[in-house]
Amino acid sequence: MMVKFGIISLLAGLFFGIFNGISQFMGKQNFWVDLTIAKIIGKDTSDAIIGFIPVLFIKNSLDSLIYSLPFFIFLLGLGVIFFVITLLMKNH
């Protein structure tokens, strides 16, 4: 099951990355160019998630993850994490 999540995350990240690259190459300012997690879940929800955690180091990390990291890089990283987890799990 985790392998399927990894494959889907990698394919989605590749899909979003290709359209992001095409849009930036053409100079178009559309939905794909500045897609971040904050744009997907909304500014109020993003602020609520970041404000929920009291540790400053985690707040700064979440801030950069939610507001500045492109969504396709997030999906590619999530896919890699799922693959690493499946490599470390034993099938019984």
PDB file of N, CA and C in Angstrom:
ATOM      1  N   MET A   1       0.813  -1.186   0.000  1.00  0.00           N
ATOM      2  CA  MET A   1       0.000   0.000   0.000  1.00  0.00           C
ATOM      3  C   MET A   1       0.865   1.262   0.000  1.00  0.00           C
ATOM      4  N   MET A   2       1.938   1.234   0.802  1.00  0.00           N
ATOM      5  CA  MET A   2       2.827   2.400   0.860  1.00  0.00           C
ATOM      6  C   MET A   2       3.546   2.601  -0.481  1.00  0.00           C
ATOM      7  N   VAL A   3       3.808   1.506  -1.182  1.00  0.00           N
ATOM      8  CA  VAL A   3       4.448   1.625  -2.494  1.00  0.00           C
ATOM      9  C   VAL A   3       3.521   2.364  -3.454  1.00  0.00           C
ATOM     10  N   LYS A   4       2.226   2.068  -3.385  1.00  0.00           N
ATOM     11  CA  LYS A   4       1.265   2.764  -4.242  1.00  0.00           C
ATOM     12  C   LYS A   4       1.224   4.255  -3.929  1.00  0.00           C
ATOM     13  N   PHE A   5       1.238   4.598  -2.629  1.00  0.00           N
ATOM     14  CA  PHE A   5       1.273   6.008  -2.252  1.00  0.00           C
ATOM     15  C   PHE A   5       2.541   6.674  -2.769  1.00  0.00           C
ATOM     16  N   GLY A   6       3.660   5.974  -2.692  1.00  0.00           N
ATOM     17  CA  GLY A   6       4.918   6.519  -3.192  1.00  0.00           C
ATOM     18  C   GLY A   6       4.891   6.754  -4.686  1.00  0.00           C
ATOM     19  N   ILE A   7       4.363   5.782  -5.428  1.00  0.00           N
ATOM     20  CA  ILE A   7       4.286   5.919  -6.889  1.00  0.00           C
ATOM     21  C   ILE A   7       3.345   7.055  -7.271  1.00  0.00           C
ATOM     22  N   ILE A   8       2.196   7.123  -6.616  1.00  0.00           N
ATOM     23  CA  ILE A   8       1.241   8.190  -6.921  1.00  0.00           C
ATOM     24  C   ILE A   8       1.835   9.556  -6.576  1.00  0.00           C
ATOM     25  N   SER A   9       2.529   9.666  -5.458  1.00  0.00           N
ATOM     26  CA  SER A   9       3.149  10.938  -5.078  1.00  0.00           C
ATOM     27  C   SER A   9       4.236  11.349  -6.066  1.00  0.00           C
ATOM     28  N   LEU A  10       5.047  10.381  -6.486  1.00  0.00           N
ATOM     29  CA  LEU A  10       6.097  10.704  -7.457  1.00  0.00           C
ATOM     30  C   LEU A  10       5.509  11.110  -8.802  1.00  0.00           C
ATOM     31  N   LEU A  11       4.480  10.405  -9.263  1.00  0.00           N
ATOM     32  CA  LEU A  11       3.850  10.761 -10.540  1.00  0.00           C
ATOM     33  C   LEU A  11       3.177  12.127 -10.464  1.00  0.00           C
ATOM     34  N   ALA A  12       2.491  12.397  -9.359  1.00  0.00           N
ATOM     35  CA  ALA A  12       1.855  13.710  -9.200  1.00  0.00           C
ATOM     36  C   ALA A  12       2.910  14.818  -9.124  1.00  0.00           C
ATOM     37  N   GLY A  13       3.999  14.564  -8.409  1.00  0.00           N
ATOM     38  CA  GLY A  13       5.077  15.550  -8.334  1.00  0.00           C
ATOM     39  C   GLY A  13       5.705  15.805  -9.696  1.00  0.00           C
ATOM     40  N   LEU A  14       5.880  14.752 -10.467  1.00  0.00           N
ATOM     41  CA  LEU A  14       6.419  14.899 -11.819  1.00  0.00           C
ATOM     42  C   LEU A  14       5.450  15.689 -12.698  1.00  0.00           C
ATOM     43  N   PHE A  15       4.167  15.389 -12.597  1.00  0.00           N
ATOM     44  CA  PHE A  15       3.134  16.090 -13.358  1.00  0.00           C
ATOM     45  C   PHE A  15       3.138  17.584 -13.030  1.00  0.00           C
ATOM     46  N   PHE A  16       3.088  17.916 -11.734  1.00  0.00           N
ATOM     47  CA  PHE A  16       3.087  19.314 -11.324  1.00  0.00           C
ATOM     48  C   PHE A  16       4.402  19.999 -11.691  1.00  0.00           C
ATOM     49  N   GLY A  17       5.511  19.284 -11.577  1.00  0.00           N
ATOM     50  CA  GLY A  17       6.809  19.858 -11.923  1.00  0.00           C
ATOM     51  C   GLY A  17       6.928  20.180 -13.399  1.00  0.00           C
ATOM     52  N   ILE A  18       6.417  19.288 -14.255  1.00  0.00           N
ATOM     53  CA  ILE A  18       6.466  19.538 -15.704  1.00  0.00           C
ATOM     54  C   ILE A  18       5.656  20.773 -16.057  1.00  0.00           C
ATOM     55  N   PHE A  19       4.438  20.867 -15.534  1.00  0.00           N
ATOM     56  CA  PHE A  19       3.618  22.028 -15.861  1.00  0.00           C
ATOM     57  C   PHE A  19       4.148  23.311 -15.235  1.00  0.00           C
ATOM     58  N   ASN A  20       4.788  23.206 -14.089  1.00  0.00           N
ATOM     59  CA  ASN A  20       5.435  24.367 -13.496  1.00  0.00           C
ATOM     60  C   ASN A  20       6.579  24.840 -14.392  1.00  0.00           C
ATOM     61  N   GLY A  21       7.395  23.916 -14.862  1.00  0.00           N
ATOM     62  CA  GLY A  21       8.504  24.267 -15.742  1.00  0.00           C
ATOM     63  C   GLY A  21       8.045  24.855 -17.061  1.00  0.00           C
ATOM     64  N   ILE A  22       7.011  24.272 -17.648  1.00  0.00           N
ATOM     65  CA  ILE A  22       6.479  24.786 -18.916  1.00  0.00           C
ATOM     66  C   ILE A  22       5.938  26.198 -18.724  1.00  0.00           C
ATOM     67  N   SER A  23       5.200  26.418 -17.642  1.00  0.00           N
ATOM     68  CA  SER A  23       4.622  27.748 -17.391  1.00  0.00           C
ATOM     69  C   SER A  23       5.704  28.795 -17.156  1.00  0.00           C
ATOM     70  N   GLN A  24       6.746  28.427 -16.409  1.00  0.00           N
ATOM     71  CA  GLN A  24       7.824  29.386 -16.181  1.00  0.00           C
ATOM     72  C   GLN A  24       8.611  29.650 -17.460  1.00  0.00           C
ATOM     73  N   PHE A  25       8.820  28.625 -18.282  1.00  0.00           N
ATOM     74  CA  PHE A  25       9.550  28.797 -19.525  1.00  0.00           C
ATOM     75  C   PHE A  25       8.791  29.717 -20.484  1.00  0.00           C
ATOM     76  N   MET A  26       7.476  29.579 -20.519  1.00  0.00           N
ATOM     77  CA  MET A  26       6.663  30.410 -21.406  1.00  0.00           C
ATOM     78  C   MET A  26       6.401  31.799 -20.831  1.00  0.00           C
ATOM     79  N   GLY A  27       6.745  32.013 -19.574  1.00  0.00           N
ATOM     80  CA  GLY A  27       6.541  33.313 -18.965  1.00  0.00           C
ATOM     81  C   GLY A  27       5.102  33.564 -18.558  1.00  0.00           C
ATOM     82  N   LYS A  28       4.313  32.532 -18.440  1.00  0.00           N
ATOM     83  CA  LYS A  28       2.906  32.669 -18.057  1.00  0.00           C
ATOM     84  C   LYS A  28       2.790  32.649 -16.540  1.00  0.00           C
ATOM     85  N   GLN A  29       1.955  33.473 -16.022  1.00  0.00           N
ATOM     86  CA  GLN A  29       1.688  33.506 -14.585  1.00  0.00           C
ATOM     87  C   GLN A  29       0.329  32.867 -14.366  1.00  0.00           C
ATOM     88  N   ASN A  30       0.323  31.560 -14.104  1.00  0.00           N
ATOM     89  CA  ASN A  30      -0.931  30.854 -13.901  1.00  0.00           C
ATOM     90  C   ASN A  30      -0.885  30.034 -12.617  1.00  0.00           C
ATOM     91  N   PHE A  31      -1.820  29.122 -12.479  1.00  0.00           N
ATOM     92  CA  PHE A  31      -1.999  28.321 -11.266  1.00  0.00           C
ATOM     93  C   PHE A  31      -0.765  27.494 -10.928  1.00  0.00           C
ATOM     94  N   TRP A  32      -0.032  26.997 -11.911  1.00  0.00           N
ATOM     95  CA  TRP A  32       1.071  26.063 -11.675  1.00  0.00           C
ATOM     96  C   TRP A  32       2.345  26.743 -11.188  1.00  0.00           C
ATOM     97  N   VAL A  33       2.530  28.006 -11.521  1.00  0.00           N
ATOM     98  CA  VAL A  33       3.822  28.650 -11.291  1.00  0.00           C
ATOM     99  C   VAL A  33       4.140  28.800  -9.806  1.00  0.00           C
ATOM    100  N   ASP A  34       3.232  29.328  -9.036  1.00  0.00           N
ATOM    101  CA  ASP A  34       3.483  29.595  -7.621  1.00  0.00           C
ATOM    102  C   ASP A  34       2.681  28.676  -6.708  1.00  0.00           C
ATOM    103  N   LEU A  35       2.474  27.449  -7.114  1.00  0.00           N
ATOM    104  CA  LEU A  35       1.657  26.526  -6.325  1.00  0.00           C
ATOM    105  C   LEU A  35       2.430  26.060  -5.093  1.00  0.00           C
ATOM    106  N   THR A  36       1.897  26.380  -3.926  1.00  0.00           N
ATOM    107  CA  THR A  36       2.461  25.945  -2.657  1.00  0.00           C
ATOM    108  C   THR A  36       1.341  25.314  -1.831  1.00  0.00           C
ATOM    109  N   ILE A  37       1.711  24.747  -0.700  1.00  0.00           N
ATOM    110  CA  ILE A  37       0.707  24.148   0.174  1.00  0.00           C
ATOM    111  C   ILE A  37      -0.236  25.231   0.702  1.00  0.00           C
ATOM    112  N   ALA A  38       0.276  26.424   0.943  1.00  0.00           N
ATOM    113  CA  ALA A  38      -0.552  27.519   1.455  1.00  0.00           C
ATOM    114  C   ALA A  38      -1.640  27.905   0.454  1.00  0.00           C
ATOM    115  N   LYS A  39      -1.349  27.846  -0.825  1.00  0.00           N
ATOM    116  CA  LYS A  39      -2.362  28.161  -1.828  1.00  0.00           C
ATOM    117  C   LYS A  39      -3.427  27.077  -1.910  1.00  0.00           C
ATOM    118  N   ILE A  40      -3.043  25.853  -1.621  1.00  0.00           N
ATOM    119  CA  ILE A  40      -3.997  24.754  -1.719  1.00  0.00           C
ATOM    120  C   ILE A  40      -4.937  24.739  -0.509  1.00  0.00           C
ATOM    121  N   ILE A  41      -4.383  24.870   0.706  1.00  0.00           N
ATOM    122  CA  ILE A  41      -5.226  24.758   1.903  1.00  0.00           C
ATOM    123  C   ILE A  41      -5.735  26.107   2.402  1.00  0.00           C
ATOM    124  N   GLY A  42      -5.208  27.191   1.903  1.00  0.00           N
ATOM    125  CA  GLY A  42      -5.676  28.515   2.299  1.00  0.00           C
ATOM    126  C   GLY A  42      -4.773  29.158   3.342  1.00  0.00           C
ATOM    127  N   LYS A  43      -4.780  30.488   3.349  1.00  0.00           N
ATOM    128  CA  LYS A  43      -3.901  31.235   4.252  1.00  0.00           C
ATOM    129  C   LYS A  43      -4.314  31.085   5.716  1.00  0.00           C
ATOM    130  N   ASP A  44      -5.610  31.090   5.987  1.00  0.00           N
ATOM    131  CA  ASP A  44      -6.071  30.973   7.368  1.00  0.00           C
ATOM    132  C   ASP A  44      -5.724  29.615   7.968  1.00  0.00           C
ATOM    133  N   THR A  45      -5.918  28.561   7.209  1.00  0.00           N
ATOM    134  CA  THR A  45      -5.579  27.216   7.681  1.00  0.00           C
ATOM    135  C   THR A  45      -4.077  27.078   7.868  1.00  0.00           C
ATOM    136  N   SER A  46      -3.310  27.648   6.961  1.00  0.00           N
ATOM    137  CA  SER A  46      -1.846  27.595   7.081  1.00  0.00           C
ATOM    138  C   SER A  46      -1.374  28.306   8.345  1.00  0.00           C
ATOM    139  N   ASP A  47      -1.933  29.477   8.602  1.00  0.00           N
ATOM    140  CA  ASP A  47      -1.575  30.210   9.820  1.00  0.00           C
ATOM    141  C   ASP A  47      -1.988  29.451  11.074  1.00  0.00           C
ATOM    142  N   ALA A  48      -3.126  28.767  11.025  1.00  0.00           N
ATOM    143  CA  ALA A  48      -3.595  27.993  12.180  1.00  0.00           C
ATOM    144  C   ALA A  48      -2.669  26.809  12.453  1.00  0.00           C
ATOM    145  N   ILE A  49      -2.204  26.156  11.400  1.00  0.00           N
ATOM    146  CA  ILE A  49      -1.292  25.011  11.569  1.00  0.00           C
ATOM    147  C   ILE A  49       0.030  25.480  12.158  1.00  0.00           C
ATOM    148  N   ILE A  50       0.569  26.566  11.628  1.00  0.00           N
ATOM    149  CA  ILE A  50       1.854  27.071  12.118  1.00  0.00           C
ATOM    150  C   ILE A  50       1.721  27.609  13.538  1.00  0.00           C
ATOM    151  N   GLY A  51       0.625  28.284  13.844  1.00  0.00           N
ATOM    152  CA  GLY A  51       0.426  28.852  15.174  1.00  0.00           C
ATOM    153  C   GLY A  51       0.110  27.818  16.240  1.00  0.00           C
ATOM    154  N   PHE A  52      -0.289  26.619  15.852  1.00  0.00           N
ATOM    155  CA  PHE A  52      -0.645  25.568  16.807  1.00  0.00           C
ATOM    156  C   PHE A  52       0.568  25.028  17.548  1.00  0.00           C
ATOM    157  N   ILE A  53       1.738  25.065  16.908  1.00  0.00           N
ATOM    158  CA  ILE A  53       2.946  24.478  17.485  1.00  0.00           C
ATOM    159  C   ILE A  53       3.751  25.572  18.190  1.00  0.00           C
ATOM    160  N   PRO A  54       4.080  25.388  19.479  1.00  0.00           N
ATOM    161  CA  PRO A  54       4.749  26.446  20.229  1.00  0.00           C
ATOM    162  C   PRO A  54       6.272  26.509  20.045  1.00  0.00           C
ATOM    163  N   VAL A  55       6.906  25.512  19.437  1.00  0.00           N
ATOM    164  CA  VAL A  55       8.363  25.474  19.320  1.00  0.00           C
ATOM    165  C   VAL A  55       8.791  26.323  18.118  1.00  0.00           C
ATOM    166  N   LEU A  56       9.706  27.254  18.339  1.00  0.00           N
ATOM    167  CA  LEU A  56      10.115  28.204  17.303  1.00  0.00           C
ATOM    168  C   LEU A  56      10.803  27.525  16.129  1.00  0.00           C
ATOM    169  N   PHE A  57      11.658  26.537  16.386  1.00  0.00           N
ATOM    170  CA  PHE A  57      12.367  25.838  15.316  1.00  0.00           C
ATOM    171  C   PHE A  57      11.383  25.139  14.378  1.00  0.00           C
ATOM    172  N   ILE A  58      10.376  24.509  14.946  1.00  0.00           N
ATOM    173  CA  ILE A  58       9.380  23.815  14.124  1.00  0.00           C
ATOM    174  C   ILE A  58       8.511  24.820  13.379  1.00  0.00           C
ATOM    175  N   LYS A  59       8.198  25.942  14.021  1.00  0.00           N
ATOM    176  CA  LYS A  59       7.421  26.987  13.344  1.00  0.00           C
ATOM    177  C   LYS A  59       8.155  27.511  12.117  1.00  0.00           C
ATOM    178  N   ASN A  60       9.446  27.759  12.247  1.00  0.00           N
ATOM    179  CA  ASN A  60      10.222  28.258  11.108  1.00  0.00           C
ATOM    180  C   ASN A  60      10.286  27.216   9.988  1.00  0.00           C
ATOM    181  N   SER A  61      10.443  25.949  10.358  1.00  0.00           N
ATOM    182  CA  SER A  61      10.493  24.891   9.355  1.00  0.00           C
ATOM    183  C   SER A  61       9.154  24.748   8.643  1.00  0.00           C
ATOM    184  N   LEU A  62       8.060  24.770   9.402  1.00  0.00           N
ATOM    185  CA  LEU A  62       6.732  24.681   8.794  1.00  0.00           C
ATOM    186  C   LEU A  62       6.436  25.898   7.933  1.00  0.00           C
ATOM    187  N   ASP A  63       6.901  27.054   8.356  1.00  0.00           N
ATOM    188  CA  ASP A  63       6.680  28.269   7.585  1.00  0.00           C
ATOM    189  C   ASP A  63       7.327  28.162   6.201  1.00  0.00           C
ATOM    190  N   SER A  64       8.569  27.694   6.169  1.00  0.00           N
ATOM    191  CA  SER A  64       9.230  27.546   4.872  1.00  0.00           C
ATOM    192  C   SER A  64       8.619  26.407   4.059  1.00  0.00           C
ATOM    193  N   LEU A  65       8.166  25.348   4.725  1.00  0.00           N
ATOM    194  CA  LEU A  65       7.547  24.234   4.020  1.00  0.00           C
ATOM    195  C   LEU A  65       6.208  24.627   3.413  1.00  0.00           C
ATOM    196  N   ILE A  66       5.405  25.358   4.161  1.00  0.00           N
ATOM    197  CA  ILE A  66       4.054  25.679   3.704  1.00  0.00           C
ATOM    198  C   ILE A  66       4.037  26.861   2.742  1.00  0.00           C
ATOM    199  N   TYR A  67       4.835  27.885   2.997  1.00  0.00           N
ATOM    200  CA  TYR A  67       4.739  29.106   2.197  1.00  0.00           C
ATOM    201  C   TYR A  67       5.721  29.206   1.042  1.00  0.00           C
ATOM    202  N   SER A  68       6.889  28.595   1.119  1.00  0.00           N
ATOM    203  CA  SER A  68       7.878  28.851   0.072  1.00  0.00           C
ATOM    204  C   SER A  68       8.268  27.623  -0.759  1.00  0.00           C
ATOM    205  N   LEU A  69       8.073  26.430  -0.248  1.00  0.00           N
ATOM    206  CA  LEU A  69       8.459  25.230  -0.985  1.00  0.00           C
ATOM    207  C   LEU A  69       7.442  24.937  -2.083  1.00  0.00           C
ATOM    208  N   PRO A  70       7.892  24.807  -3.333  1.00  0.00           N
ATOM    209  CA  PRO A  70       6.949  24.454  -4.409  1.00  0.00           C
ATOM    210  C   PRO A  70       6.287  23.105  -4.140  1.00  0.00           C
ATOM    211  N   PHE A  71       5.035  22.992  -4.560  1.00  0.00           N
ATOM    212  CA  PHE A  71       4.244  21.804  -4.247  1.00  0.00           C
ATOM    213  C   PHE A  71       4.804  20.551  -4.903  1.00  0.00           C
ATOM    214  N   PHE A  72       5.379  20.674  -6.105  1.00  0.00           N
ATOM    215  CA  PHE A  72       5.893  19.480  -6.758  1.00  0.00           C
ATOM    216  C   PHE A  72       7.101  18.913  -6.025  1.00  0.00           C
ATOM    217  N   ILE A  73       7.910  19.762  -5.400  1.00  0.00           N
ATOM    218  CA  ILE A  73       9.041  19.267  -4.618  1.00  0.00           C
ATOM    219  C   ILE A  73       8.538  18.572  -3.355  1.00  0.00           C
ATOM    220  N   PHE A  74       7.481  19.098  -2.760  1.00  0.00           N
ATOM    221  CA  PHE A  74       6.871  18.445  -1.608  1.00  0.00           C
ATOM    222  C   PHE A  74       6.370  17.049  -1.981  1.00  0.00           C
ATOM    223  N   LEU A  75       5.701  16.926  -3.121  1.00  0.00           N
ATOM    224  CA  LEU A  75       5.192  15.621  -3.543  1.00  0.00           C
ATOM    225  C   LEU A  75       6.317  14.643  -3.870  1.00  0.00           C
ATOM    226  N   LEU A  76       7.364  15.119  -4.513  1.00  0.00           N
ATOM    227  CA  LEU A  76       8.497  14.245  -4.816  1.00  0.00           C
ATOM    228  C   LEU A  76       9.164  13.764  -3.523  1.00  0.00           C
ATOM    229  N   GLY A  77       9.324  14.651  -2.556  1.00  0.00           N
ATOM    230  CA  GLY A  77       9.907  14.263  -1.268  1.00  0.00           C
ATOM    231  C   GLY A  77       9.024  13.278  -0.520  1.00  0.00           C
ATOM    232  N   LEU A  78       7.722  13.469  -0.581  1.00  0.00           N
ATOM    233  CA  LEU A  78       6.786  12.555   0.063  1.00  0.00           C
ATOM    234  C   LEU A  78       6.858  11.170  -0.571  1.00  0.00           C
ATOM    235  N   GLY A  79       6.974  11.128  -1.894  1.00  0.00           N
ATOM    236  CA  GLY A  79       7.122   9.843  -2.575  1.00  0.00           C
ATOM    237  C   GLY A  79       8.390   9.118  -2.181  1.00  0.00           C
ATOM    238  N   VAL A  80       9.484   9.846  -2.060  1.00  0.00           N
ATOM    239  CA  VAL A  80      10.747   9.235  -1.643  1.00  0.00           C
ATOM    240  C   VAL A  80      10.641   8.717  -0.213  1.00  0.00           C
ATOM    241  N   ILE A  81       9.988   9.477   0.661  1.00  0.00           N
ATOM    242  CA  ILE A  81       9.805   9.032   2.052  1.00  0.00           C
ATOM    243  C   ILE A  81       8.990   7.748   2.096  1.00  0.00           C
ATOM    244  N   PHE A  82       7.923   7.660   1.303  1.00  0.00           N
ATOM    245  CA  PHE A  82       7.120   6.435   1.269  1.00  0.00           C
ATOM    246  C   PHE A  82       7.944   5.250   0.785  1.00  0.00           C
ATOM    247  N   PHE A  83       8.800   5.461  -0.219  1.00  0.00           N
ATOM    248  CA  PHE A  83       9.632   4.366  -0.702  1.00  0.00           C
ATOM    249  C   PHE A  83      10.651   3.916   0.341  1.00  0.00           C
ATOM    250  N   VAL A  84      11.233   4.846   1.073  1.00  0.00           N
ATOM    251  CA  VAL A  84      12.188   4.484   2.122  1.00  0.00           C
ATOM    252  C   VAL A  84      11.483   3.709   3.235  1.00  0.00           C
ATOM    253  N   ILE A  85      10.284   4.117   3.584  1.00  0.00           N
ATOM    254  CA  ILE A  85       9.530   3.398   4.611  1.00  0.00           C
ATOM    255  C   ILE A  85       9.239   1.973   4.166  1.00  0.00           C
ATOM    256  N   THR A  86       8.859   1.793   2.899  1.00  0.00           N
ATOM    257  CA  THR A  86       8.569   0.438   2.423  1.00  0.00           C
ATOM    258  C   THR A  86       9.817  -0.432   2.357  1.00  0.00           C
ATOM    259  N   LEU A  87      10.976   0.175   2.128  1.00  0.00           N
ATOM    260  CA  LEU A  87      12.212  -0.599   2.125  1.00  0.00           C
ATOM    261  C   LEU A  87      12.553  -1.103   3.525  1.00  0.00           C
ATOM    262  N   LEU A  88      12.194  -0.337   4.551  1.00  0.00           N
ATOM    263  CA  LEU A  88      12.539  -0.696   5.915  1.00  0.00           C
ATOM    264  C   LEU A  88      11.498  -1.605   6.588  1.00  0.00           C
ATOM    265  N   MET A  89      10.328  -1.744   5.978  1.00  0.00           N
ATOM    266  CA  MET A  89       9.282  -2.583   6.564  1.00  0.00           C
ATOM    267  C   MET A  89       9.467  -4.039   6.132  1.00  0.00           C
ATOM    268  N   LYS A  90       9.124  -4.936   7.034  1.00  0.00           N
ATOM    269  CA  LYS A  90       9.161  -6.363   6.714  1.00  0.00           C
ATOM    270  C   LYS A  90       7.753  -6.813   6.375  1.00  0.00           C
ATOM    271  N   ASN A  91       7.640  -7.662   5.384  1.00  0.00           N
ATOM    272  CA  ASN A  91       6.345  -8.231   5.022  1.00  0.00           C
ATOM    273  C   ASN A  91       6.199  -9.588   5.688  1.00  0.00           C
ATOM    274  N   HIS A  92       5.215  -9.728   6.560  1.00  0.00           N
ATOM    275  CA  HIS A  92       4.966 -10.988   7.248  1.00  0.00           C
ATOM    276  C   HIS A  92       3.643 -11.538   6.824  1.00  0.00           C
TER     277      HIS A  92
END
